[in-house]
Amino acid sequence: MTSRLARLGWIVSSGPAMLLGALVLHALSVRLYLARWPIVYKDTPETVFLQVIEYGLVMPLLYGSLFGAPLWPLAGPVLGVVGHLRWRLLIGQLALMAAGVVGIILLVTFDPTGYVEWFLD
C-alpha cells in the first residue's frame, strides 16, 4: 500500500514540472515552425506536431496540475499522519511540486517573448 501511494504521489507531484517541460517544448516548437516568436491574436500555426504537443501533452498536464497540485498537499500529510506514507517521501514530493509551480510562475511572470500571452489567447 505504501509503495502504491508513494508512486502515485511522485506522479501527481511531478505534474507541474512536467507541465513546465511541455510548455517549453511547445514554445520551442512554435518558435522553430514560425522562425520567430508568435504574435498575439495573429499567428495560428496549424501543424500536426504542434497539435499533438498541445492536446496530448500540455492540456492533460495542465488539468492534472490544476487538480493534483492542490489535492496532494492536502491528502499527503493526512496519509503521513495515518502512517501510510513516510514523511521523507512526502517532503521530497512536495519539494518537487513546489519547484514545478515556482518554475511555471516564473515563466508566466518573466516571459520576454510573449509566448504565454499568445498561448492563452
PDB file of N, CA and C in Angstrom:
ATOM      1  N   MET A   1       0.816  -1.194   0.000  1.00  0.00           N
ATOM      2  CA  MET A   1       0.000   0.000   0.000  1.00  0.00           C
ATOM      3  C   MET A   1       0.862   1.261   0.000  1.00  0.00           C
ATOM      4  N   THR A   2       1.938   1.237   0.798  1.00  0.00           N
ATOM      5  CA  THR A   2       2.806   2.409   0.877  1.00  0.00           C
ATOM      6  C   THR A   2       3.494   2.689  -0.453  1.00  0.00           C
ATOM      7  N   SER A   3       3.954   1.642  -1.123  1.00  0.00           N
ATOM      8  CA  SER A   3       4.652   1.869  -2.388  1.00  0.00           C
ATOM      9  C   SER A   3       3.702   2.384  -3.466  1.00  0.00           C
ATOM     10  N   ARG A   4       2.460   1.937  -3.465  1.00  0.00           N
ATOM     11  CA  ARG A   4       1.485   2.459  -4.432  1.00  0.00           C
ATOM     12  C   ARG A   4       1.204   3.933  -4.183  1.00  0.00           C
ATOM     13  N   LEU A   5       1.031   4.294  -2.919  1.00  0.00           N
ATOM     14  CA  LEU A   5       0.798   5.700  -2.599  1.00  0.00           C
ATOM     15  C   LEU A   5       2.021   6.549  -2.903  1.00  0.00           C
ATOM     16  N   ALA A   6       3.202   5.994  -2.671  1.00  0.00           N
ATOM     17  CA  ALA A   6       4.426   6.739  -2.977  1.00  0.00           C
ATOM     18  C   ALA A   6       4.547   6.969  -4.484  1.00  0.00           C
ATOM     19  N   ARG A   7       4.253   5.935  -5.274  1.00  0.00           N
ATOM     20  CA  ARG A   7       4.306   6.104  -6.732  1.00  0.00           C
ATOM     21  C   ARG A   7       3.262   7.099  -7.207  1.00  0.00           C
ATOM     22  N   LEU A   8       2.050   7.002  -6.656  1.00  0.00           N
ATOM     23  CA  LEU A   8       1.007   7.960  -7.017  1.00  0.00           C
ATOM     24  C   LEU A   8       1.427   9.374  -6.633  1.00  0.00           C
ATOM     25  N   GLY A   9       2.032   9.513  -5.477  1.00  0.00           N
ATOM     26  CA  GLY A   9       2.498  10.826  -5.039  1.00  0.00           C
ATOM     27  C   GLY A   9       3.558  11.400  -5.949  1.00  0.00           C
ATOM     28  N   TRP A  10       4.497  10.553  -6.398  1.00  0.00           N
ATOM     29  CA  TRP A  10       5.533  11.054  -7.316  1.00  0.00           C
ATOM     30  C   TRP A  10       4.927  11.448  -8.654  1.00  0.00           C
ATOM     31  N   ILE A  11       3.941  10.710  -9.127  1.00  0.00           N
ATOM     32  CA  ILE A  11       3.298  11.047 -10.403  1.00  0.00           C
ATOM     33  C   ILE A  11       2.558  12.371 -10.285  1.00  0.00           C
ATOM     34  N   VAL A  12       1.766  12.511  -9.223  1.00  0.00           N
ATOM     35  CA  VAL A  12       0.989  13.742  -9.042  1.00  0.00           C
ATOM     36  C   VAL A  12       1.907  14.932  -8.789  1.00  0.00           C
ATOM     37  N   SER A  13       2.929  14.756  -7.977  1.00  0.00           N
ATOM     38  CA  SER A  13       3.792  15.891  -7.639  1.00  0.00           C
ATOM     39  C   SER A  13       4.713  16.290  -8.785  1.00  0.00           C
ATOM     40  N   SER A  14       4.957  15.401  -9.715  1.00  0.00           N
ATOM     41  CA  SER A  14       5.797  15.778 -10.859  1.00  0.00           C
ATOM     42  C   SER A  14       4.991  16.458 -11.967  1.00  0.00           C
ATOM     43  N   GLY A  15       3.683  16.568 -11.802  1.00  0.00           N
ATOM     44  CA  GLY A  15       2.828  17.196 -12.815  1.00  0.00           C
ATOM     45  C   GLY A  15       3.229  18.613 -13.175  1.00  0.00           C
ATOM     46  N   PRO A  16       3.397  19.519 -12.210  1.00  0.00           N
ATOM     47  CA  PRO A  16       3.797  20.885 -12.579  1.00  0.00           C
ATOM     48  C   PRO A  16       5.162  20.958 -13.269  1.00  0.00           C
ATOM     49  N   ALA A  17       6.111  20.143 -12.854  1.00  0.00           N
ATOM     50  CA  ALA A  17       7.425  20.145 -13.507  1.00  0.00           C
ATOM     51  C   ALA A  17       7.312  19.609 -14.941  1.00  0.00           C
ATOM     52  N   MET A  18       6.510  18.570 -15.139  1.00  0.00           N
ATOM     53  CA  MET A  18       6.308  18.055 -16.494  1.00  0.00           C
ATOM     54  C   MET A  18       5.542  19.057 -17.346  1.00  0.00           C
ATOM     55  N   LEU A  19       4.596  19.786 -16.747  1.00  0.00           N
ATOM     56  CA  LEU A  19       3.883  20.829 -17.483  1.00  0.00           C
ATOM     57  C   LEU A  19       4.847  21.922 -17.930  1.00  0.00           C
ATOM     58  N   LEU A  20       5.751  22.306 -17.062  1.00  0.00           N
ATOM     59  CA  LEU A  20       6.753  23.301 -17.432  1.00  0.00           C
ATOM     60  C   LEU A  20       7.594  22.813 -18.605  1.00  0.00           C
ATOM     61  N   GLY A  21       8.020  21.560 -18.569  1.00  0.00           N
ATOM     62  CA  GLY A  21       8.786  20.995 -19.676  1.00  0.00           C
ATOM     63  C   GLY A  21       7.986  20.944 -20.969  1.00  0.00           C
ATOM     64  N   ALA A  22       6.694  20.583 -20.876  1.00  0.00           N
ATOM     65  CA  ALA A  22       5.845  20.528 -22.067  1.00  0.00           C
ATOM     66  C   ALA A  22       5.613  21.924 -22.639  1.00  0.00           C
ATOM     67  N   LEU A  23       5.464  22.929 -21.775  1.00  0.00           N
ATOM     68  CA  LEU A  23       5.296  24.300 -22.263  1.00  0.00           C
ATOM     69  C   LEU A  23       6.554  24.801 -22.969  1.00  0.00           C
ATOM     70  N   VAL A  24       7.713  24.484 -22.419  1.00  0.00           N
ATOM     71  CA  VAL A  24       8.969  24.892 -23.063  1.00  0.00           C
ATOM     72  C   VAL A  24       9.140  24.174 -24.402  1.00  0.00           C
ATOM     73  N   LEU A  25       8.798  22.879 -24.449  1.00  0.00           N
ATOM     74  CA  LEU A  25       8.865  22.131 -25.711  1.00  0.00           C
ATOM     75  C   LEU A  25       7.919  22.722 -26.741  1.00  0.00           C
ATOM     76  N   HIS A  26       6.704  23.072 -26.334  1.00  0.00           N
ATOM     77  CA  HIS A  26       5.745  23.676 -27.258  1.00  0.00           C
ATOM     78  C   HIS A  26       6.227  25.043 -27.721  1.00  0.00           C
ATOM     79  N   ALA A  27       6.775  25.844 -26.806  1.00  0.00           N
ATOM     80  CA  ALA A  27       7.270  27.171 -27.184  1.00  0.00           C
ATOM     81  C   ALA A  27       8.406  27.060 -28.190  1.00  0.00           C
ATOM     82  N   LEU A  28       9.330  26.152 -27.954  1.00  0.00           N
ATOM     83  CA  LEU A  28      10.443  25.987 -28.894  1.00  0.00           C
ATOM     84  C   LEU A  28       9.961  25.449 -30.242  1.00  0.00           C
ATOM     85  N   SER A  29       8.967  24.579 -30.224  1.00  0.00           N
ATOM     86  CA  SER A  29       8.418  24.049 -31.481  1.00  0.00           C
ATOM     87  C   SER A  29       7.732  25.142 -32.284  1.00  0.00           C
ATOM     88  N   VAL A  30       6.966  25.994 -31.621  1.00  0.00           N
ATOM     89  CA  VAL A  30       6.316  27.116 -32.306  1.00  0.00           C
ATOM     90  C   VAL A  30       7.374  28.072 -32.851  1.00  0.00           C
ATOM     91  N   ARG A  31       8.386  28.313 -32.056  1.00  0.00           N
ATOM     92  CA  ARG A  31       9.466  29.212 -32.484  1.00  0.00           C
ATOM     93  C   ARG A  31      10.178  28.666 -33.723  1.00  0.00           C
ATOM     94  N   LEU A  32      10.461  27.383 -33.718  1.00  0.00           N
ATOM     95  CA  LEU A  32      11.129  26.792 -34.880  1.00  0.00           C
ATOM     96  C   LEU A  32      10.218  26.761 -36.099  1.00  0.00           C
ATOM     97  N   TYR A  33       8.926  26.517 -35.904  1.00  0.00           N
ATOM     98  CA  TYR A  33       7.995  26.454 -37.027  1.00  0.00           C
ATOM     99  C   TYR A  33       7.813  27.829 -37.677  1.00  0.00           C
ATOM    100  N   LEU A  34       7.650  28.872 -36.853  1.00  0.00           N
ATOM    101  CA  LEU A  34       7.412  30.205 -37.397  1.00  0.00           C
ATOM    102  C   LEU A  34       8.693  30.963 -37.732  1.00  0.00           C
ATOM    103  N   ALA A  35       9.829  30.514 -37.246  1.00  0.00           N
ATOM    104  CA  ALA A  35      11.124  31.169 -37.395  1.00  0.00           C
ATOM    105  C   ALA A  35      11.161  32.516 -36.675  1.00  0.00           C
ATOM    106  N   ARG A  36      10.243  32.725 -35.759  1.00  0.00           N
ATOM    107  CA  ARG A  36      10.182  33.906 -34.894  1.00  0.00           C
ATOM    108  C   ARG A  36       9.207  33.573 -33.780  1.00  0.00           C
ATOM    109  N   TRP A  37       9.148  34.433 -32.768  1.00  0.00           N
ATOM    110  CA  TRP A  37       8.179  34.216 -31.703  1.00  0.00           C
ATOM    111  C   TRP A  37       6.794  34.601 -32.198  1.00  0.00           C
ATOM    112  N   PRO A  38       5.764  33.899 -31.776  1.00  0.00           N
ATOM    113  CA  PRO A  38       4.414  34.179 -32.293  1.00  0.00           C
ATOM    114  C   PRO A  38       3.888  35.535 -31.832  1.00  0.00           C
ATOM    115  N   ILE A  39       3.041  36.119 -32.682  1.00  0.00           N
ATOM    116  CA  ILE A  39       2.419  37.403 -32.393  1.00  0.00           C
ATOM    117  C   ILE A  39       1.003  37.128 -31.890  1.00  0.00           C
ATOM    118  N   VAL A  40       0.643  37.792 -30.797  1.00  0.00           N
ATOM    119  CA  VAL A  40      -0.650  37.569 -30.159  1.00  0.00           C
ATOM    120  C   VAL A  40      -1.784  37.956 -31.099  1.00  0.00           C
ATOM    121  N   TYR A  41      -2.814  37.131 -31.180  1.00  0.00           N
ATOM    122  CA  TYR A  41      -4.026  37.316 -31.989  1.00  0.00           C
ATOM    123  C   TYR A  41      -3.747  37.328 -33.488  1.00  0.00           C
ATOM    124  N   LYS A  42      -2.533  36.961 -33.899  1.00  0.00           N
ATOM    125  CA  LYS A  42      -2.227  36.969 -35.324  1.00  0.00           C
ATOM    126  C   LYS A  42      -1.826  35.588 -35.812  1.00  0.00           C
ATOM    127  N   ASP A  43      -0.914  34.947 -35.116  1.00  0.00           N
ATOM    128  CA  ASP A  43      -0.378  33.672 -35.573  1.00  0.00           C
ATOM    129  C   ASP A  43      -1.199  32.503 -35.032  1.00  0.00           C
ATOM    130  N   THR A  44      -1.517  31.579 -35.929  1.00  0.00           N
ATOM    131  CA  THR A  44      -2.184  30.344 -35.545  1.00  0.00           C
ATOM    132  C   THR A  44      -1.560  29.213 -36.345  1.00  0.00           C
ATOM    133  N   PRO A  45      -0.420  28.712 -35.910  1.00  0.00           N
ATOM    134  CA  PRO A  45       0.214  27.626 -36.662  1.00  0.00           C
ATOM    135  C   PRO A  45      -0.597  26.329 -36.517  1.00  0.00           C
ATOM    136  N   GLU A  46      -0.909  25.734 -37.621  1.00  0.00           N
ATOM    137  CA  GLU A  46      -1.711  24.504 -37.632  1.00  0.00           C
ATOM    138  C   GLU A  46      -0.869  23.360 -38.192  1.00  0.00           C
ATOM    139  N   THR A  47      -0.139  22.705 -37.351  1.00  0.00           N
ATOM    140  CA  THR A  47       0.596  21.524 -37.767  1.00  0.00           C
ATOM    141  C   THR A  47       0.213  20.372 -36.851  1.00  0.00           C
ATOM    142  N   VAL A  48       0.362  19.181 -37.349  1.00  0.00           N
ATOM    143  CA  VAL A  48       0.004  18.003 -36.562  1.00  0.00           C
ATOM    144  C   VAL A  48       0.921  17.874 -35.347  1.00  0.00           C
ATOM    145  N   PHE A  49       2.198  18.162 -35.525  1.00  0.00           N
ATOM    146  CA  PHE A  49       3.149  18.039 -34.422  1.00  0.00           C
ATOM    147  C   PHE A  49       2.798  18.983 -33.275  1.00  0.00           C
ATOM    148  N   LEU A  50       2.477  20.242 -33.594  1.00  0.00           N
ATOM    149  CA  LEU A  50       2.112  21.189 -32.547  1.00  0.00           C
ATOM    150  C   LEU A  50       0.802  20.809 -31.878  1.00  0.00           C
ATOM    151  N   GLN A  51      -0.143  20.267 -32.634  1.00  0.00           N
ATOM    152  CA  GLN A  51      -1.406  19.839 -32.041  1.00  0.00           C
ATOM    153  C   GLN A  51      -1.220  18.628 -31.135  1.00  0.00           C
ATOM    154  N   VAL A  52      -0.312  17.730 -31.511  1.00  0.00           N
ATOM    155  CA  VAL A  52      -0.022  16.576 -30.652  1.00  0.00           C
ATOM    156  C   VAL A  52       0.587  17.042 -29.338  1.00  0.00           C
ATOM    157  N   ILE A  53       1.523  17.985 -29.404  1.00  0.00           N
ATOM    158  CA  ILE A  53       2.130  18.505 -28.175  1.00  0.00           C
ATOM    159  C   ILE A  53       1.074  19.227 -27.336  1.00  0.00           C
ATOM    160  N   GLU A  54       0.260  20.050 -28.000  1.00  0.00           N
ATOM    161  CA  GLU A  54      -0.705  20.856 -27.260  1.00  0.00           C
ATOM    162  C   GLU A  54      -1.810  20.003 -26.640  1.00  0.00           C
ATOM    163  N   TYR A  55      -2.432  19.142 -27.446  1.00  0.00           N
ATOM    164  CA  TYR A  55      -3.574  18.372 -26.941  1.00  0.00           C
ATOM    165  C   TYR A  55      -3.167  17.060 -26.284  1.00  0.00           C
ATOM    166  N   GLY A  56      -1.987  16.569 -26.588  1.00  0.00           N
ATOM    167  CA  GLY A  56      -1.547  15.312 -26.000  1.00  0.00           C
ATOM    168  C   GLY A  56      -0.681  15.470 -24.772  1.00  0.00           C
ATOM    169  N   LEU A  57       0.010  16.598 -24.647  1.00  0.00           N
ATOM    170  CA  LEU A  57       0.893  16.823 -23.500  1.00  0.00           C
ATOM    171  C   LEU A  57       0.455  17.994 -22.632  1.00  0.00           C
ATOM    172  N   VAL A  58       0.356  19.172 -23.240  1.00  0.00           N
ATOM    173  CA  VAL A  58       0.153  20.383 -22.452  1.00  0.00           C
ATOM    174  C   VAL A  58      -1.208  20.376 -21.757  1.00  0.00           C
ATOM    175  N   MET A  59      -2.272  20.086 -22.476  1.00  0.00           N
ATOM    176  CA  MET A  59      -3.604  20.149 -21.869  1.00  0.00           C
ATOM    177  C   MET A  59      -3.818  19.090 -20.785  1.00  0.00           C
ATOM    178  N   PRO A  60      -3.480  17.813 -21.005  1.00  0.00           N
ATOM    179  CA  PRO A  60      -3.639  16.861 -19.895  1.00  0.00           C
ATOM    180  C   PRO A  60      -2.783  17.203 -18.678  1.00  0.00           C
ATOM    181  N   LEU A  61      -1.558  17.675 -18.912  1.00  0.00           N
ATOM    182  CA  LEU A  61      -0.709  18.057 -17.787  1.00  0.00           C
ATOM    183  C   LEU A  61      -1.233  19.308 -17.090  1.00  0.00           C
ATOM    184  N   LEU A  62      -1.833  20.217 -17.853  1.00  0.00           N
ATOM    185  CA  LEU A  62      -2.412  21.415 -17.250  1.00  0.00           C
ATOM    186  C   LEU A  62      -3.560  21.041 -16.321  1.00  0.00           C
ATOM    187  N   TYR A  63      -4.473  20.213 -16.805  1.00  0.00           N
ATOM    188  CA  TYR A  63      -5.605  19.817 -15.961  1.00  0.00           C
ATOM    189  C   TYR A  63      -5.155  18.924 -14.809  1.00  0.00           C
ATOM    190  N   GLY A  64      -4.192  18.069 -15.050  1.00  0.00           N
ATOM    191  CA  GLY A  64      -3.668  17.250 -13.965  1.00  0.00           C
ATOM    192  C   GLY A  64      -2.995  18.079 -12.893  1.00  0.00           C
ATOM    193  N   SER A  65      -2.297  19.134 -13.313  1.00  0.00           N
ATOM    194  CA  SER A  65      -1.648  20.013 -12.338  1.00  0.00           C
ATOM    195  C   SER A  65      -2.663  20.884 -11.603  1.00  0.00           C
ATOM    196  N   LEU A  66      -3.696  21.320 -12.317  1.00  0.00           N
ATOM    197  CA  LEU A  66      -4.707  22.150 -11.665  1.00  0.00           C
ATOM    198  C   LEU A  66      -5.452  21.387 -10.577  1.00  0.00           C
ATOM    199  N   PHE A  67      -5.697  20.103 -10.806  1.00  0.00           N
ATOM    200  CA  PHE A  67      -6.423  19.324  -9.807  1.00  0.00           C
ATOM    201  C   PHE A  67      -5.494  18.580  -8.862  1.00  0.00           C
ATOM    202  N   GLY A  68      -4.322  18.186  -9.326  1.00  0.00           N
ATOM    203  CA  GLY A  68      -3.400  17.427  -8.488  1.00  0.00           C
ATOM    204  C   GLY A  68      -2.578  18.282  -7.554  1.00  0.00           C
ATOM    205  N   ALA A  69      -2.217  19.482  -8.006  1.00  0.00           N
ATOM    206  CA  ALA A  69      -1.387  20.344  -7.167  1.00  0.00           C
ATOM    207  C   ALA A  69      -2.077  20.740  -5.861  1.00  0.00           C
ATOM    208  N   PRO A  70      -3.368  21.069  -5.865  1.00  0.00           N
ATOM    209  CA  PRO A  70      -3.997  21.350  -4.568  1.00  0.00           C
ATOM    210  C   PRO A  70      -4.355  20.090  -3.789  1.00  0.00           C
ATOM    211  N   LEU A  71      -4.590  18.989  -4.477  1.00  0.00           N
ATOM    212  CA  LEU A  71      -5.065  17.775  -3.802  1.00  0.00           C
ATOM    213  C   LEU A  71      -3.957  17.076  -3.021  1.00  0.00           C
ATOM    214  N   TRP A  72      -2.785  16.922  -3.599  1.00  0.00           N
ATOM    215  CA  TRP A  72      -1.727  16.151  -2.938  1.00  0.00           C
ATOM    216  C   TRP A  72      -1.176  16.830  -1.684  1.00  0.00           C
ATOM    217  N   PRO A  73      -0.968  18.156  -1.661  1.00  0.00           N
ATOM    218  CA  PRO A  73      -0.526  18.766  -0.392  1.00  0.00           C
ATOM    219  C   PRO A  73      -1.559  18.636   0.728  1.00  0.00           C
ATOM    220  N   LEU A  74      -2.821  18.435   0.380  1.00  0.00           N
ATOM    221  CA  LEU A  74      -3.840  18.224   1.409  1.00  0.00           C
ATOM    222  C   LEU A  74      -3.934  16.761   1.819  1.00  0.00           C
ATOM    223  N   ALA A  75      -3.875  15.852   0.842  1.00  0.00           N
ATOM    224  CA  ALA A  75      -4.030  14.424   1.147  1.00  0.00           C
ATOM    225  C   ALA A  75      -2.737  13.801   1.666  1.00  0.00           C
ATOM    226  N   GLY A  76      -1.590  14.293   1.229  1.00  0.00           N
ATOM    227  CA  GLY A  76      -0.315  13.708   1.630  1.00  0.00           C
ATOM    228  C   GLY A  76      -0.055  13.745   3.125  1.00  0.00           C
ATOM    229  N   PRO A  77      -0.201  14.903   3.780  1.00  0.00           N
ATOM    230  CA  PRO A  77       0.017  14.912   5.231  1.00  0.00           C
ATOM    231  C   PRO A  77      -0.963  14.039   6.010  1.00  0.00           C
ATOM    232  N   VAL A  78      -2.180  13.944   5.519  1.00  0.00           N
ATOM    233  CA  VAL A  78      -3.147  13.055   6.180  1.00  0.00           C
ATOM    234  C   VAL A  78      -2.655  11.615   6.100  1.00  0.00           C
ATOM    235  N   LEU A  79      -2.160  11.219   4.931  1.00  0.00           N
ATOM    236  CA  LEU A  79      -1.625   9.862   4.787  1.00  0.00           C
ATOM    237  C   LEU A  79      -0.354   9.685   5.610  1.00  0.00           C
ATOM    238  N   GLY A  80       0.425  10.752   5.775  1.00  0.00           N
ATOM    239  CA  GLY A  80       1.620  10.671   6.612  1.00  0.00           C
ATOM    240  C   GLY A  80       1.285  10.490   8.075  1.00  0.00           C
ATOM    241  N   VAL A  81       0.250  11.175   8.529  1.00  0.00           N
ATOM    242  CA  VAL A  81      -0.167  11.044   9.931  1.00  0.00           C
ATOM    243  C   VAL A  81      -0.741   9.658  10.199  1.00  0.00           C
ATOM    244  N   VAL A  82      -1.524   9.154   9.268  1.00  0.00           N
ATOM    245  CA  VAL A  82      -2.133   7.830   9.431  1.00  0.00           C
ATOM    246  C   VAL A  82      -1.067   6.744   9.373  1.00  0.00           C
ATOM    247  N   GLY A  83       0.043   7.019   8.701  1.00  0.00           N
ATOM    248  CA  GLY A  83       1.130   6.053   8.641  1.00  0.00           C
ATOM    249  C   GLY A  83       1.234   5.308   7.329  1.00  0.00           C
ATOM    250  N   HIS A  84       0.473   5.741   6.341  1.00  0.00           N
ATOM    251  CA  HIS A  84       0.521   5.071   5.041  1.00  0.00           C
ATOM    252  C   HIS A  84       1.612   5.621   4.130  1.00  0.00           C
ATOM    253  N   LEU A  85       2.247   6.708   4.532  1.00  0.00           N
ATOM    254  CA  LEU A  85       3.269   7.326   3.698  1.00  0.00           C
ATOM    255  C   LEU A  85       4.355   7.901   4.600  1.00  0.00           C
ATOM    256  N   ARG A  86       5.606   7.656   4.218  1.00  0.00           N
ATOM    257  CA  ARG A  86       6.718   8.172   5.020  1.00  0.00           C
ATOM    258  C   ARG A  86       6.887   9.669   4.790  1.00  0.00           C
ATOM    259  N   TRP A  87       7.226  10.382   5.865  1.00  0.00           N
ATOM    260  CA  TRP A  87       7.355  11.829   5.793  1.00  0.00           C
ATOM    261  C   TRP A  87       8.486  12.260   4.875  1.00  0.00           C
ATOM    262  N   ARG A  88       9.563  11.500   4.832  1.00  0.00           N
ATOM    263  CA  ARG A  88      10.694  11.860   3.967  1.00  0.00           C
ATOM    264  C   ARG A  88      10.260  11.853   2.488  1.00  0.00           C
ATOM    265  N   LEU A  89       9.477  10.860   2.096  1.00  0.00           N
ATOM    266  CA  LEU A  89       8.954  10.823   0.730  1.00  0.00           C
ATOM    267  C   LEU A  89       8.012  11.985   0.469  1.00  0.00           C
ATOM    268  N   LEU A  90       7.155  12.247   1.418  1.00  0.00           N
ATOM    269  CA  LEU A  90       6.183  13.327   1.256  1.00  0.00           C
ATOM    270  C   LEU A  90       6.873  14.677   1.107  1.00  0.00           C
ATOM    271  N   ILE A  91       7.903  14.933   1.881  1.00  0.00           N
ATOM    272  CA  ILE A  91       8.622  16.206   1.782  1.00  0.00           C
ATOM    273  C   ILE A  91       9.315  16.324   0.426  1.00  0.00           C
ATOM    274  N   GLY A  92       9.899  15.235  -0.066  1.00  0.00           N
ATOM    275  CA  GLY A  92      10.509  15.255  -1.396  1.00  0.00           C
ATOM    276  C   GLY A  92       9.489  15.501  -2.493  1.00  0.00           C
ATOM    277  N   GLN A  93       8.322  14.883  -2.366  1.00  0.00           N
ATOM    278  CA  GLN A  93       7.271  15.080  -3.363  1.00  0.00           C
ATOM    279  C   GLN A  93       6.757  16.512  -3.354  1.00  0.00           C
ATOM    280  N   LEU A  94       6.563  17.053  -2.168  1.00  0.00           N
ATOM    281  CA  LEU A  94       6.093  18.437  -2.080  1.00  0.00           C
ATOM    282  C   LEU A  94       7.152  19.421  -2.574  1.00  0.00           C
ATOM    283  N   ALA A  95       8.428  19.109  -2.367  1.00  0.00           N
ATOM    284  CA  ALA A  95       9.503  19.969  -2.882  1.00  0.00           C
ATOM    285  C   ALA A  95       9.532  19.945  -4.409  1.00  0.00           C
ATOM    286  N   LEU A  96       9.331  18.770  -4.998  1.00  0.00           N
ATOM    287  CA  LEU A  96       9.268  18.671  -6.458  1.00  0.00           C
ATOM    288  C   LEU A  96       8.081  19.450  -7.002  1.00  0.00           C
ATOM    289  N   MET A  97       6.944  19.329  -6.343  1.00  0.00           N
ATOM    290  CA  MET A  97       5.756  20.064  -6.781  1.00  0.00           C
ATOM    291  C   MET A  97       5.978  21.563  -6.654  1.00  0.00           C
ATOM    292  N   ALA A  98       6.566  21.992  -5.558  1.00  0.00           N
ATOM    293  CA  ALA A  98       6.822  23.423  -5.359  1.00  0.00           C
ATOM    294  C   ALA A  98       7.801  23.960  -6.399  1.00  0.00           C
ATOM    295  N   ALA A  99       8.813  23.188  -6.749  1.00  0.00           N
ATOM    296  CA  ALA A  99       9.773  23.618  -7.773  1.00  0.00           C
ATOM    297  C   ALA A  99       9.078  23.789  -9.122  1.00  0.00           C
ATOM    298  N   GLY A 100       8.187  22.864  -9.471  1.00  0.00           N
ATOM    299  CA  GLY A 100       7.448  22.985 -10.724  1.00  0.00           C
ATOM    300  C   GLY A 100       6.517  24.178 -10.742  1.00  0.00           C
ATOM    301  N   VAL A 101       5.820  24.416  -9.637  1.00  0.00           N
ATOM    302  CA  VAL A 101       4.904  25.559  -9.561  1.00  0.00           C
ATOM    303  C   VAL A 101       5.675  26.867  -9.624  1.00  0.00           C
ATOM    304  N   VAL A 102       6.797  26.953  -8.922  1.00  0.00           N
ATOM    305  CA  VAL A 102       7.616  28.166  -8.968  1.00  0.00           C
ATOM    306  C   VAL A 102       8.159  28.381 -10.384  1.00  0.00           C
ATOM    307  N   GLY A 103       8.563  27.310 -11.061  1.00  0.00           N
ATOM    308  CA  GLY A 103       9.037  27.437 -12.435  1.00  0.00           C
ATOM    309  C   GLY A 103       7.959  27.954 -13.373  1.00  0.00           C
ATOM    310  N   ILE A 104       6.733  27.463 -13.217  1.00  0.00           N
ATOM    311  CA  ILE A 104       5.622  27.936 -14.058  1.00  0.00           C
ATOM    312  C   ILE A 104       5.321  29.399 -13.769  1.00  0.00           C
ATOM    313  N   ILE A 105       5.313  29.769 -12.490  1.00  0.00           N
ATOM    314  CA  ILE A 105       5.061  31.164 -12.131  1.00  0.00           C
ATOM    315  C   ILE A 105       6.142  32.077 -12.711  1.00  0.00           C
ATOM    316  N   LEU A 106       7.396  31.648 -12.645  1.00  0.00           N
ATOM    317  CA  LEU A 106       8.481  32.447 -13.220  1.00  0.00           C
ATOM    318  C   LEU A 106       8.355  32.553 -14.735  1.00  0.00           C
ATOM    319  N   LEU A 107       7.945  31.469 -15.391  1.00  0.00           N
ATOM    320  CA  LEU A 107       7.760  31.504 -16.848  1.00  0.00           C
ATOM    321  C   LEU A 107       6.663  32.481 -17.223  1.00  0.00           C
ATOM    322  N   VAL A 108       5.548  32.432 -16.518  1.00  0.00           N
ATOM    323  CA  VAL A 108       4.427  33.320 -16.832  1.00  0.00           C
ATOM    324  C   VAL A 108       4.778  34.771 -16.510  1.00  0.00           C
ATOM    325  N   THR A 109       5.478  34.996 -15.425  1.00  0.00           N
ATOM    326  CA  THR A 109       5.780  36.361 -14.991  1.00  0.00           C
ATOM    327  C   THR A 109       6.859  37.026 -15.841  1.00  0.00           C
ATOM    328  N   PHE A 110       7.927  36.304 -16.123  1.00  0.00           N
ATOM    329  CA  PHE A 110       9.080  36.909 -16.782  1.00  0.00           C
ATOM    330  C   PHE A 110       9.264  36.417 -18.217  1.00  0.00           C
ATOM    331  N   ASP A 111       8.185  36.237 -18.954  1.00  0.00           N
ATOM    332  CA  ASP A 111       8.268  35.770 -20.332  1.00  0.00           C
ATOM    333  C   ASP A 111       8.531  36.954 -21.259  1.00  0.00           C
ATOM    334  N   PRO A 112       9.759  37.116 -21.748  1.00  0.00           N
ATOM    335  CA  PRO A 112      10.054  38.263 -22.604  1.00  0.00           C
ATOM    336  C   PRO A 112       9.591  38.068 -24.050  1.00  0.00           C
ATOM    337  N   THR A 113       9.228  36.845 -24.406  1.00  0.00           N
ATOM    338  CA  THR A 113       8.905  36.554 -25.801  1.00  0.00           C
ATOM    339  C   THR A 113       7.441  36.774 -26.132  1.00  0.00           C
ATOM    340  N   GLY A 114       6.563  36.816 -25.144  1.00  0.00           N
ATOM    341  CA  GLY A 114       5.134  36.928 -25.398  1.00  0.00           C
ATOM    342  C   GLY A 114       4.476  35.594 -25.693  1.00  0.00           C
ATOM    343  N   TYR A 115       5.210  34.488 -25.511  1.00  0.00           N
ATOM    344  CA  TYR A 115       4.660  33.168 -25.823  1.00  0.00           C
ATOM    345  C   TYR A 115       3.462  32.834 -24.941  1.00  0.00           C
ATOM    346  N   VAL A 116       3.555  33.115 -23.647  1.00  0.00           N
ATOM    347  CA  VAL A 116       2.472  32.743 -22.734  1.00  0.00           C
ATOM    348  C   VAL A 116       1.202  33.509 -23.083  1.00  0.00           C
ATOM    349  N   GLU A 117       1.328  34.787 -23.380  1.00  0.00           N
ATOM    350  CA  GLU A 117       0.161  35.570 -23.781  1.00  0.00           C
ATOM    351  C   GLU A 117      -0.421  35.032 -25.081  1.00  0.00           C
ATOM    352  N   TRP A 118       0.431  34.650 -26.026  1.00  0.00           N
ATOM    353  CA  TRP A 118      -0.037  34.077 -27.282  1.00  0.00           C
ATOM    354  C   TRP A 118      -0.722  32.741 -27.033  1.00  0.00           C
ATOM    355  N   PHE A 119      -0.152  31.918 -26.178  1.00  0.00           N
ATOM    356  CA  PHE A 119      -0.720  30.593 -25.902  1.00  0.00           C
ATOM    357  C   PHE A 119      -2.085  30.706 -25.235  1.00  0.00           C
ATOM    358  N   LEU A 120      -2.257  31.696 -24.393  1.00  0.00           N
ATOM    359  CA  LEU A 120      -3.517  31.861 -23.669  1.00  0.00           C
ATOM    360  C   LEU A 120      -4.563  32.644 -24.439  1.00  0.00           C
ATOM    361  N   ASP A 121      -4.244  33.181 -25.631  1.00  0.00           N
ATOM    362  CA  ASP A 121      -5.248  33.958 -26.356  1.00  0.00           C
ATOM    363  C   ASP A 121      -6.311  33.120 -27.008  1.00  0.00           C
TER     364      ASP A 121
END
